[in-house]
Amino acid sequence: MTKLYLWRVAGALLLASALMTARADDFAAAVVAYRAQDYAAALQVFQRLAEAGEARSQFALGLLYDNGEGVAQNDATAAGWYEKSASQGYAKAQYNLGVMHLTGRGVARNDARARRWFEQAAAQGNSDAVARIIQFAEGGDVEAQYRLALMYLRGGAVPRDQTLSYRWMQRAAARGHLNAMFGMGLLTETGQGTDRSYAGAVNWYVPAAQQGQVQATYNLARLVRLGQGQPQDLARATQLFEKAAAAGFVPAQLSLGMLFDAGEGWPRKPASAVVWYKLAASNGSADAQVNLGYLYAAGGVGVARDPIEAYARTYAGERLGHPLGATNLALMGHSLAASEVALARARGQSYLNRARSLPSVNLTRVEADPATP
C-alpha cells in the first residue's frame, strides 16, 4: 500500500500575535478531535483554518478528504488541498502530493512533478521523500540522479558522502545531464569523491561550457587564466569570462573587472575595469563596490578621481558585507567634510537599495571563486 502521512499532534507553539495564538488553539483542538475520531468536529475547524491559508490545516483537510474521514472520500479535493499546503512549503503535504502524482490519484500521473515535490520535501529532511528520490535515481531518472548527487554533496537530507555524490553525479553526467557535467568538473577540480585533477576537470568543463553551462564556462576561464590543467591563455580566458559575464554570471563580471584592473597580459585598463565592476556591483557584488571605491579614490587612466563616489561605493560594499569596507571608510572619511560624507552615504545607500531590490541577490560577498552546484 502506498504510504501517506497520517496526522501527528504538533508540539507546543510559541506564536507572537493573539490571532495566531487563537488559531493555534483551534488547530490543537481540531487535532484532539481528530485523534478522538470526531472527524466532523475536526473537519469544521480544519476547513475554516485552511480557507484562511493555514498550511498545516490545508494538509489536514486534504488528509480528511484523502481518507474519507468526516467527509466523502475525494482524491481530487484531497490533492487540491495538499497542493495549497505544499506550495507554502509544508513537507508532509509535498510528500503526499508527490505520491498522488506518482500514482495518478486525484491528478494526472506525472512522474516529473512527483519527483519535484519529493525533492522539495527531501530538502527539508523528509526521509520518505529521500527514499523516493533514491528509487527514481536507481530506476534511471537522470534528473533524480543529479539531485541525489547534490544531496550527498551538501548533506542534511542525507549524511554527507562525497563518494556517493561523485558516483551519482558521474551517472547523470555520462547521460549528458549538463549541470551534472559541470558538477563532475567541480568535484574533480576540488578532489571531492575522487582524486584532484585540473586536467580531468577541464575535460568536463569544456563540453559543458560548449553547451552554454555558465558556471562551467566561468570555472574553465579560471583554469585557463591560471594555466591549470592546460596551457595558460589569457586571451582565451578573457573570452570565456566575457561569455559567462554576458550570461549574467556575477563572478565572471567581477573577474573581468579584476583582469583589466590588474593588467594581466596587457597594460592596465582602469576604465574597462570600471565598466565591469559597475555591472557586477549593480548585480550585488560587494567586492566590485569596494574595488570601485579604490579606483575612484586613486583615479587613473580613463577614471577621474572622485572621493565622494569612492566613499559611496565603499559604503555600499561595507553594508553588503565586505570585510575591508569599514576600514576603508574610516580612511576615506578623513579627507571629506561632514556634508560630503552625508552626500556620499546617501548615494551609497541608493546603490545598496538597488542591490536589495534584486529578486535573487544574496546580500553577501560575491567573490571570484569556484562556482558551486
Foldseek 3Di string as FASTA:
>chain_A
DDDADDDDQDDDDDDDDPVVVVLVVLQNVLVVCVVVLVQLSNLVSLVVVVVVQDLVSLQVNLVCLCVVRNHRNAQLSSLVSLVSNVVVLDLSSLQNNLVCLCVVGNHRNDNVSSLVSLLSSLVQQDQVSLVVLVVCLVVPNLVSLQSNLVCLCVDDSHHNAQLSSLVSLVSSVVVPDLVSLLVNLVCQCVVGNHDNANLRSLVSLVVSVVVPPLLSLLVNLVCLCVVGSHGNDPVVSLVSLVSSVVVPDLLSLQVNLVCLCVVVPHDRDNLSSLVSLVSSLLQQALVSLQVVLVCLCVPDVNHHNDLLSSLLSLLLSVVLEDPCSVVVNVVSVVPDDPVSNVVSVVSSVVSNVSNVPDPDHDSHHDHNDRDHD
